[in-house]
């Protein structure tokens, strides 16, 4: 009984330390960022309660050792392909990788050498080793599932027809490695292209943003995608896959290049994304909190971006707080997510500098590509979302599906924003089905023209 009382007392003391530490760290930022920084301090102190339980029961040193062990042990994000670079209209170098059919499934390509493709976004990409590899029965089950998907694709694509290239566009504060499970499932069977959005992953910082001549817009990202397609897929049919901001990028491509889409695109997957009205998203906050967030967030991020070196130190000092926030907003059922996958998601998001976060954030409030969706009405489409997504709610995917009446709509119970990491087998299954349908439609179209 005495031990229980001591543990309870220690838990209360630790919880208080969490809130005080978070408030103090961000109060320092507040002195540099003014009212906006003070607002972030209030939000951070309140959010500390969400991770207090973990800090009550696990010592700081143990948590740090656990993070290092997860970072050092596993395969997530380690798949590499043949590197390439496209040049955006403002001169920004956009990094991409190509996996060709026949590459050994599940292993890095021979063209990738140690140290090649280092991060270009100004902070350094994660080391991309975040979980222990699956073993025993679990490993065999994963391998058998992926083998079955590859056999299905091989049969669907055939040998004589021109198979489509599947091009993956990642979301805000992520990188091409967020598609790890989908890349592994398709690897060696169909040609795939994975690219890093400007200022993310291994792509260079946006030139227009560095010199202040151009703000980030979703339209700009659509033109970046066109540059990647011109460089990496100069001919042949294309299946576009976009998650979150990547899905918006795919919409912006159609809005600005409808003729190109009509001629080249044979399928589209829009995962955890939105066609607009993001300024109405509550992020799981009460009404007043939502209004305050939408009013304060752009200024807060802009002010913190000006103090990015100081803020980056603050992020490291409050790593546990950010881990809790990332889990809450990334996964619909965070308590059920494998710790290695959760840590992998954290590393992807942590690699995005605060000034890049600030540069991109305003673009979402004015994003509206509902009318552009009609460009994809003539091709097989997949619209997929997690029912518990707090960032791009599932209702936004339902709205997209209404504009694409022939699309397959999949809303995954219990899943959140990073649904492709949280429920990879389900996402892989539907993605393979889309490629099958797109390949069949492309063959029918060619026969009709012939």
Protein backbone atom coordinates (compact mmCIF):
# COMPACT_ATOMS: atom_id res chain seq x y z
CA UNK A 1 0.00 0.00 0.00
CA UNK A 2 2.84 2.35 0.89
CA UNK A 3 4.47 1.70 -2.48
CA UNK A 4 1.19 2.49 -4.22
CA UNK A 5 0.86 5.80 -2.37
CA UNK A 6 4.44 6.71 -3.23
CA UNK A 7 3.85 5.86 -6.89
CA UNK A 8 0.69 7.97 -6.97
CA UNK A 9 2.48 10.90 -5.34
CA UNK A 10 5.33 10.59 -7.82
CA UNK A 11 2.84 10.48 -10.71
CA UNK A 12 1.18 13.72 -9.58
CA UNK A 13 4.56 15.40 -9.15
CA UNK A 14 5.71 14.26 -12.59
CA UNK A 15 2.51 15.43 -14.25
CA UNK A 16 3.00 18.87 -12.73
CA UNK A 17 6.58 18.92 -14.01
CA UNK A 18 5.34 18.12 -17.52
CA UNK A 19 3.03 21.12 -17.63
CA UNK A 20 5.58 23.45 -16.06
CA UNK A 21 8.36 22.33 -18.40
CA UNK A 22 6.16 22.76 -21.50
CA UNK A 23 4.93 26.17 -20.39
CA UNK A 24 8.44 27.39 -19.53
CA UNK A 25 9.97 26.21 -22.82
CA UNK A 26 7.33 27.89 -24.91
CA UNK A 27 7.18 30.96 -22.71
CA UNK A 28 10.77 31.58 -23.78
CA UNK A 29 9.62 31.33 -27.38
CA UNK A 30 6.81 33.71 -26.48
CA UNK A 31 9.27 36.41 -25.50
CA UNK A 32 10.70 36.22 -29.00
CA UNK A 33 7.44 35.71 -30.93
CA UNK A 34 5.20 38.18 -29.07
CA UNK A 35 1.47 37.52 -28.72
CA UNK A 36 1.58 34.66 -31.22
CA UNK A 37 4.29 32.92 -29.23
CA UNK A 38 2.38 33.39 -26.01
CA UNK A 39 -0.63 31.73 -27.62
CA UNK A 40 1.52 28.74 -28.55
CA UNK A 41 2.71 28.61 -24.94
CA UNK A 42 -0.87 28.28 -23.72
CA UNK A 43 -1.62 25.56 -26.26
CA UNK A 44 1.55 23.63 -25.40
CA UNK A 45 0.91 23.77 -21.67
CA UNK A 46 -2.59 22.43 -22.17
CA UNK A 47 -1.39 19.72 -24.53
CA UNK A 48 1.08 18.51 -21.91
CA UNK A 49 -1.77 16.83 -20.08
CA UNK A 50 -2.18 14.52 -23.05
CA UNK A 51 1.27 12.98 -22.58
CA UNK A 52 1.44 13.18 -18.76
CA UNK A 53 0.44 9.54 -18.24
CA UNK A 54 3.36 8.31 -20.31
CA UNK A 55 5.77 10.53 -18.44
CA UNK A 56 4.28 9.49 -15.09
CA UNK A 57 5.21 5.88 -15.65
CA UNK A 58 8.38 5.95 -17.78
CA UNK A 59 11.57 7.73 -16.82
CA UNK A 60 13.12 10.31 -19.16
CA UNK A 61 16.29 8.31 -19.67
CA UNK A 62 14.31 5.17 -20.47
CA UNK A 63 12.16 7.07 -22.99
CA UNK A 64 15.25 8.44 -24.68
CA UNK A 65 16.86 4.99 -24.86
CA UNK A 66 13.62 3.56 -26.28
CA UNK A 67 13.53 6.21 -29.03
CA UNK A 68 17.15 5.52 -29.94
CA UNK A 69 16.52 1.77 -30.03
CA UNK A 70 13.52 2.23 -32.32
CA UNK A 71 15.51 4.58 -34.55
CA UNK A 72 18.38 2.10 -34.88
CA UNK A 73 16.67 -1.24 -35.28
CA UNK A 74 14.36 -1.48 -38.23
CA UNK A 75 13.50 -1.25 -41.91
CA UNK A 76 10.83 1.46 -42.13
CA UNK A 77 11.80 4.08 -44.70
CA UNK A 78 14.91 2.25 -45.90
CA UNK A 79 13.65 1.25 -49.37
CA UNK A 80 15.57 3.21 -51.99
CA UNK A 81 15.31 3.40 -55.76
CA UNK A 82 17.18 4.91 -58.69
CA UNK A 83 17.58 8.62 -57.86
CA UNK A 84 16.73 11.48 -60.15
CA UNK A 85 16.02 15.20 -60.05
CA UNK A 86 13.47 17.44 -61.73
CA UNK A 87 13.85 21.22 -61.88
CA UNK A 88 10.84 23.30 -60.88
CA UNK A 89 9.92 26.55 -62.62
CA UNK A 90 11.82 28.62 -60.02
CA UNK A 91 14.92 26.42 -60.22
CA UNK A 92 14.18 24.30 -57.14
CA UNK A 93 15.61 20.79 -57.41
CA UNK A 94 12.93 18.17 -56.75
CA UNK A 95 14.29 14.79 -55.73
CA UNK A 96 12.61 11.57 -56.87
CA UNK A 97 13.33 7.87 -56.98
CA UNK A 98 12.17 5.23 -59.46
CA UNK A 99 11.54 1.57 -58.71
CA UNK A 100 11.59 -0.41 -61.94
CA UNK A 101 9.76 -3.70 -62.49
CA UNK A 102 12.03 -6.60 -61.67
CA UNK A 103 13.83 -4.89 -58.77
CA UNK A 104 14.19 -7.29 -55.86
CA UNK A 105 11.14 -6.80 -53.68
CA UNK A 106 11.73 -5.37 -50.24
CA UNK A 107 15.42 -4.49 -50.67
CA UNK A 108 17.26 -1.26 -51.55
CA UNK A 109 18.08 -0.87 -55.23
CA UNK A 110 21.69 -1.37 -56.30
CA UNK A 111 21.88 2.20 -57.61
CA UNK A 112 21.49 3.64 -54.13
CA UNK A 113 24.85 4.10 -52.43
CA UNK A 114 25.46 4.99 -48.78
CA UNK A 115 25.22 8.72 -48.27
CA UNK A 116 23.62 9.38 -51.65
CA UNK A 117 20.54 11.58 -51.65
CA UNK A 118 21.22 13.39 -48.38
CA UNK A 119 18.53 15.67 -47.05
CA UNK A 120 18.23 19.02 -48.77
CA UNK A 121 15.44 20.67 -46.76
CA UNK A 122 17.73 22.50 -44.36
CA UNK A 123 17.47 20.20 -41.38
CA UNK A 124 18.36 16.68 -42.40
CA UNK A 125 16.02 13.81 -43.16
CA UNK A 126 15.46 11.13 -40.52
CA UNK A 127 17.87 8.22 -40.47
CA UNK A 128 14.80 6.21 -41.39
CA UNK A 129 15.30 3.21 -39.12
CA UNK A 130 12.41 3.19 -36.75
CA UNK A 131 11.25 -0.31 -35.85
CA UNK A 132 12.28 -3.89 -35.43
CA UNK A 133 11.74 -5.99 -38.55
CA UNK A 134 8.87 -8.43 -38.44
CA UNK A 135 9.91 -11.96 -37.53
CA UNK A 136 8.52 -15.47 -37.44
CA UNK A 137 4.85 -15.92 -38.26
CA UNK A 138 4.30 -12.17 -38.59
CA UNK A 139 7.09 -11.84 -41.16
CA UNK A 140 5.79 -14.80 -43.17
CA UNK A 141 2.26 -13.37 -43.14
CA UNK A 142 3.51 -10.02 -44.45
CA UNK A 143 5.62 -11.67 -47.14
CA UNK A 144 2.76 -13.91 -48.26
CA UNK A 145 0.35 -10.96 -48.44
CA UNK A 146 2.80 -8.91 -50.52
CA UNK A 147 3.55 -11.89 -52.75
CA UNK A 148 -0.16 -12.37 -53.37
CA UNK A 149 -0.61 -8.72 -54.32
CA UNK A 150 2.36 -8.85 -56.70
CA UNK A 151 1.01 -11.99 -58.40
CA UNK A 152 -2.34 -10.26 -58.86
CA UNK A 153 -0.68 -7.25 -60.43
CA UNK A 154 1.52 -9.35 -62.69
CA UNK A 155 -1.54 -11.19 -64.00
CA UNK A 156 -3.50 -7.96 -64.46
CA UNK A 157 -0.73 -6.05 -66.22
CA UNK A 158 0.23 -8.79 -68.65
CA UNK A 159 3.39 -8.76 -70.74
CA UNK A 160 2.33 -7.07 -73.97
CA UNK A 161 0.46 -4.03 -72.76
CA UNK A 162 2.15 -0.84 -71.58
CA UNK A 163 1.77 -0.99 -67.81
CA UNK A 164 1.13 2.28 -65.98
CA UNK A 165 3.68 4.05 -63.82
CA UNK A 166 2.34 4.69 -60.32
CA UNK A 167 3.43 8.11 -58.99
CA UNK A 168 3.20 8.80 -55.24
CA UNK A 169 2.86 12.32 -53.80
CA UNK A 170 3.28 12.66 -50.02
CA UNK A 171 1.66 14.98 -47.52
CA UNK A 172 2.55 18.04 -45.45
CA UNK A 173 5.56 17.60 -43.11
CA UNK A 174 6.26 14.10 -44.49
CA UNK A 175 8.44 12.67 -47.26
CA UNK A 176 8.32 9.98 -49.91
CA UNK A 177 9.22 7.46 -47.19
CA UNK A 178 5.71 7.78 -45.75
CA UNK A 179 4.69 5.40 -48.56
CA UNK A 180 7.01 2.66 -47.23
CA UNK A 181 4.40 -0.11 -47.04
CA UNK A 182 2.82 0.69 -50.39
CA UNK A 183 6.25 0.87 -52.01
CA UNK A 184 7.12 -2.54 -50.59
CA UNK A 185 3.85 -4.05 -51.83
CA UNK A 186 4.29 -2.83 -55.44
CA UNK A 187 8.06 -3.16 -55.62
CA UNK A 188 9.35 -5.26 -58.49
CA UNK A 189 5.94 -5.63 -60.14
CA UNK A 190 5.02 -2.21 -61.49
CA UNK A 191 7.09 0.90 -62.17
CA UNK A 192 6.71 3.44 -59.36
CA UNK A 193 7.96 6.98 -58.78
CA UNK A 194 8.30 8.49 -55.31
CA UNK A 195 9.18 12.17 -54.97
CA UNK A 196 9.75 14.70 -52.20
CA UNK A 197 7.76 17.92 -52.30
CA UNK A 198 9.81 21.11 -52.32
CA UNK A 199 11.46 21.86 -48.96
CA UNK A 200 10.62 18.34 -47.76
CA UNK A 201 12.71 15.18 -47.54
CA UNK A 202 15.66 15.19 -49.97
CA UNK A 203 14.33 17.96 -52.22
CA UNK A 204 15.91 21.41 -52.03
CA UNK A 205 14.40 24.34 -50.19
CA UNK A 206 12.06 26.26 -52.47
CA UNK A 207 14.03 28.99 -54.24
CA UNK A 208 11.02 31.28 -54.44
CA UNK A 209 10.51 30.94 -50.70
CA UNK A 210 14.18 31.50 -49.82
CA UNK A 211 14.39 34.76 -51.76
CA UNK A 212 10.84 35.82 -50.85
CA UNK A 213 9.62 36.17 -54.43
CA UNK A 214 6.82 33.59 -54.24
CA UNK A 215 4.61 32.15 -51.52
CA UNK A 216 3.80 28.46 -51.40
CA UNK A 217 0.46 27.65 -53.03
CA UNK A 218 -1.21 24.38 -53.91
CA UNK A 219 -1.07 25.48 -57.55
CA UNK A 220 2.73 25.78 -57.28
CA UNK A 221 2.88 22.21 -55.95
CA UNK A 222 0.76 21.07 -58.90
CA UNK A 223 3.32 22.58 -61.26
CA UNK A 224 6.09 20.89 -59.29
CA UNK A 225 4.35 17.55 -59.86
CA UNK A 226 4.17 18.30 -63.58
CA UNK A 227 7.94 18.89 -63.62
CA UNK A 228 8.51 15.54 -61.89
CA UNK A 229 6.20 13.74 -64.33
CA UNK A 230 7.97 15.31 -67.33
CA UNK A 231 11.34 14.16 -65.99
CA UNK A 232 10.47 10.74 -64.55
CA UNK A 233 7.54 9.59 -66.73
CA UNK A 234 8.01 11.15 -70.18
CA UNK A 235 5.72 8.61 -71.80
CA UNK A 236 3.10 6.00 -71.03
CA UNK A 237 0.04 5.82 -68.80
CA UNK A 238 0.14 7.12 -65.24
CA UNK A 239 -1.70 6.32 -62.00
CA UNK A 240 -1.50 9.21 -59.53
CA UNK A 241 -1.57 8.55 -55.78
CA UNK A 242 -1.71 11.45 -53.31
CA UNK A 243 -2.04 11.65 -49.55
CA UNK A 244 -3.21 14.82 -47.78
CA UNK A 245 -1.26 17.72 -49.36
CA UNK A 246 -0.16 15.24 -52.02
CA UNK A 247 -3.80 14.65 -52.94
CA UNK A 248 -4.30 18.42 -53.21
CA UNK A 249 -1.21 18.52 -55.44
CA UNK A 250 -2.82 15.93 -57.71
CA UNK A 251 -5.97 18.09 -57.89
CA UNK A 252 -3.89 21.17 -58.73
CA UNK A 253 -2.25 19.26 -61.60
CA UNK A 254 -5.69 18.58 -63.08
CA UNK A 255 -6.77 22.18 -62.56
CA UNK A 256 -3.81 23.58 -64.49
CA UNK A 257 -3.12 20.78 -67.00
CA UNK A 258 -6.48 19.18 -67.83
CA UNK A 259 -5.38 18.14 -71.33
CA UNK A 260 -2.32 16.38 -69.94
CA UNK A 261 -4.44 14.54 -67.38
CA UNK A 262 -6.93 13.48 -70.06
CA UNK A 263 -4.14 12.12 -72.25
CA UNK A 264 -1.86 10.46 -69.72
CA UNK A 265 -3.63 9.69 -66.43
CA UNK A 266 -5.49 6.36 -66.29
CA UNK A 267 -6.20 6.18 -62.55
CA UNK A 268 -6.11 8.27 -59.37
CA UNK A 269 -6.05 7.58 -55.62
CA UNK A 270 -6.89 10.41 -53.21
CA UNK A 271 -6.05 9.32 -49.65
CA UNK A 272 -6.80 11.31 -46.51
CA UNK A 273 -7.16 14.55 -48.42
CA UNK A 274 -9.54 17.43 -49.10
CA UNK A 275 -10.79 19.49 -52.04
CA UNK A 276 -11.32 22.60 -49.87
CA UNK A 277 -13.00 24.21 -46.85
CA UNK A 278 -10.09 23.33 -44.59
CA UNK A 279 -10.64 26.57 -42.68
CA UNK A 280 -13.74 24.88 -41.21
CA UNK A 281 -11.89 21.86 -39.78
CA UNK A 282 -12.11 21.70 -35.98
CA UNK A 283 -9.01 19.51 -35.37
CA UNK A 284 -10.93 17.91 -32.53
CA UNK A 285 -11.12 21.21 -30.63
CA UNK A 286 -14.24 22.82 -29.14
CA UNK A 287 -15.81 25.66 -31.13
CA UNK A 288 -13.95 28.49 -29.43
CA UNK A 289 -10.67 26.60 -29.61
CA UNK A 290 -11.16 25.96 -33.32
CA UNK A 291 -11.83 29.65 -34.02
CA UNK A 292 -8.80 30.69 -31.99
CA UNK A 293 -6.60 28.16 -33.78
CA UNK A 294 -7.59 29.30 -37.28
CA UNK A 295 -7.16 32.94 -36.25
CA UNK A 296 -3.82 32.57 -34.46
CA UNK A 297 -2.05 29.69 -36.20
CA UNK A 298 -0.71 31.50 -39.30
CA UNK A 299 0.78 34.31 -37.23
CA UNK A 300 2.10 31.92 -34.59
CA UNK A 301 3.87 29.78 -37.15
CA UNK A 302 5.20 32.78 -39.03
CA UNK A 303 6.61 34.29 -35.84
CA UNK A 304 8.14 30.99 -34.77
CA UNK A 305 9.57 30.53 -38.27
CA UNK A 306 11.50 33.76 -37.82
CA UNK A 307 13.04 32.24 -34.68
CA UNK A 308 13.51 28.79 -36.21
CA UNK A 309 16.88 28.00 -34.62
CA UNK A 310 15.56 28.75 -31.14
CA UNK A 311 12.32 26.88 -31.79
CA UNK A 312 14.14 23.79 -33.10
CA UNK A 313 16.01 23.62 -29.80
CA UNK A 314 12.68 23.91 -28.01
CA UNK A 315 11.24 21.08 -30.07
CA UNK A 316 14.09 18.82 -29.02
CA UNK A 317 13.67 19.80 -25.38
CA UNK A 318 9.95 18.95 -25.47
CA UNK A 319 10.27 15.79 -27.59
CA UNK A 320 7.79 13.84 -25.47
CA UNK A 321 5.16 16.55 -25.78
CA UNK A 322 5.47 16.58 -29.56
CA UNK A 323 5.42 12.78 -29.68
CA UNK A 324 2.06 12.83 -27.90
CA UNK A 325 0.64 15.46 -30.23
CA UNK A 326 1.90 13.61 -33.30
CA UNK A 327 0.31 10.36 -32.17
CA UNK A 328 -3.01 12.08 -31.49
CA UNK A 329 -3.20 13.76 -34.88
CA UNK A 330 -1.58 11.02 -36.96
CA UNK A 331 -3.37 7.88 -35.81
CA UNK A 332 -7.02 7.19 -35.12
CA UNK A 333 -6.25 4.52 -32.52
CA UNK A 334 -2.77 5.50 -31.25
CA UNK A 335 -2.82 2.99 -28.42
CA UNK A 336 -3.10 0.17 -30.98
CA UNK A 337 -0.33 1.37 -33.31
CA UNK A 338 2.96 -0.50 -33.27
CA UNK A 339 5.48 1.68 -31.39
CA UNK A 340 7.94 1.35 -34.24
CA UNK A 341 5.44 2.72 -36.74
CA UNK A 342 4.49 5.53 -34.37
CA UNK A 343 8.16 6.44 -33.97
CA UNK A 344 8.64 6.30 -37.74
CA UNK A 345 5.81 8.82 -38.16
CA UNK A 346 7.38 11.04 -35.52
CA UNK A 347 10.73 11.01 -37.29
CA UNK A 348 9.18 11.98 -40.61
CA UNK A 349 7.38 14.95 -39.07
CA UNK A 350 10.31 15.98 -36.85
CA UNK A 351 12.49 16.30 -39.97
CA UNK A 352 10.43 19.22 -41.26
CA UNK A 353 11.92 22.56 -40.07
CA UNK A 354 9.53 24.99 -38.39
CA UNK A 355 10.09 27.64 -41.05
CA UNK A 356 8.98 25.16 -43.73
CA UNK A 357 5.90 24.35 -41.64
CA UNK A 358 5.18 28.09 -41.53
CA UNK A 359 5.74 28.61 -45.27
CA UNK A 360 3.25 25.94 -46.31
CA UNK A 361 0.48 26.34 -43.73
CA UNK A 362 -1.33 29.40 -45.21
CA UNK A 363 -1.84 27.59 -48.52
CA UNK A 364 -4.39 25.23 -47.00
CA UNK A 365 -6.85 27.92 -45.90
CA UNK A 366 -7.37 29.09 -49.51
CA UNK A 367 -7.17 25.66 -51.15
CA UNK A 368 -10.28 24.91 -53.25
CA UNK A 369 -10.06 22.40 -56.09
CA UNK A 370 -13.58 20.98 -56.04
CA UNK A 371 -14.25 21.94 -59.65
CA UNK A 372 -10.94 20.45 -60.79
CA UNK A 373 -12.02 16.97 -59.70
CA UNK A 374 -14.10 16.57 -62.85
CA UNK A 375 -10.84 15.90 -64.72
CA UNK A 376 -10.63 12.53 -62.94
CA UNK A 377 -14.25 11.53 -63.49
CA UNK A 378 -13.37 9.50 -66.60
CA UNK A 379 -10.76 7.25 -64.94
CA UNK A 380 -10.88 4.62 -62.19
CA UNK A 381 -10.53 6.36 -58.82
CA UNK A 382 -10.01 5.42 -55.19
CA UNK A 383 -11.02 7.81 -52.40
CA UNK A 384 -9.88 6.55 -49.01
CA UNK A 385 -9.86 8.09 -45.54
CA UNK A 386 -9.67 7.22 -41.87
CA UNK A 387 -12.93 7.77 -40.02
CA UNK A 388 -11.00 9.26 -37.07
CA UNK A 389 -8.92 11.67 -39.18
CA UNK A 390 -8.75 15.00 -37.31
CA UNK A 391 -6.81 16.86 -40.02
CA UNK A 392 -8.69 16.04 -43.23
CA UNK A 393 -11.92 14.54 -41.88
CA UNK A 394 -13.57 11.63 -43.65
CA UNK A 395 -16.47 13.87 -44.67
CA UNK A 396 -14.07 15.70 -46.98
CA UNK A 397 -13.39 12.40 -48.75
CA UNK A 398 -17.12 11.76 -49.00
CA UNK A 399 -17.47 15.15 -50.69
CA UNK A 400 -14.74 14.20 -53.17
CA UNK A 401 -16.48 10.89 -53.89
CA UNK A 402 -19.71 12.75 -54.64
CA UNK A 403 -17.83 14.58 -57.39
CA UNK A 404 -16.46 11.27 -58.70
CA UNK A 405 -19.55 9.03 -58.73
CA UNK A 406 -17.69 6.01 -60.13
CA UNK A 407 -14.93 6.18 -57.52
CA UNK A 408 -14.45 3.51 -54.87
CA UNK A 409 -15.03 5.22 -51.51
CA UNK A 410 -13.38 3.56 -48.50
CA UNK A 411 -13.70 5.05 -45.00
CA UNK A 412 -11.63 3.02 -42.56
CA UNK A 413 -13.11 2.69 -39.04
CA UNK A 414 -10.75 3.66 -36.25
CA UNK A 415 -8.01 4.96 -38.56
CA UNK A 416 -6.54 8.45 -38.57
CA UNK A 417 -4.65 10.77 -40.91
CA UNK A 418 -1.66 8.48 -41.57
CA UNK A 419 -3.96 5.67 -42.62
CA UNK A 420 -1.35 4.23 -45.02
CA UNK A 421 0.92 3.59 -42.01
CA UNK A 422 -1.82 2.65 -39.55
CA UNK A 423 -3.68 0.22 -41.84
CA UNK A 424 -1.15 -0.61 -44.59
CA UNK A 425 -2.59 -4.00 -45.61
CA UNK A 426 -6.02 -2.52 -46.29
CA UNK A 427 -4.60 0.46 -48.19
CA UNK A 428 -2.34 -1.87 -50.23
CA UNK A 429 -5.29 -4.08 -51.15
CA UNK A 430 -7.36 -1.19 -52.46
CA UNK A 431 -4.39 0.36 -54.22
CA UNK A 432 -3.60 -2.85 -56.08
CA UNK A 433 -7.26 -3.11 -57.06
CA UNK A 434 -7.09 0.43 -58.45
CA UNK A 435 -4.00 -0.36 -60.53
CA UNK A 436 -5.74 -3.45 -61.87
CA UNK A 437 -8.81 -1.42 -62.87
CA UNK A 438 -6.70 1.37 -64.34
CA UNK A 439 -4.65 -1.09 -66.42
CA UNK A 440 -7.79 -2.73 -67.77
CA UNK A 441 -9.33 0.66 -68.60
CA UNK A 442 -6.14 1.78 -70.35
CA UNK A 443 -6.10 -1.37 -72.50
CA UNK A 444 -9.76 -0.87 -73.44
CA UNK A 445 -9.08 2.75 -74.35
CA UNK A 446 -6.17 1.81 -76.62
CA UNK A 447 -8.22 -0.87 -78.35
CA UNK A 448 -11.05 1.59 -78.90
CA UNK A 449 -8.68 4.14 -80.47
CA UNK A 450 -7.14 1.42 -82.64
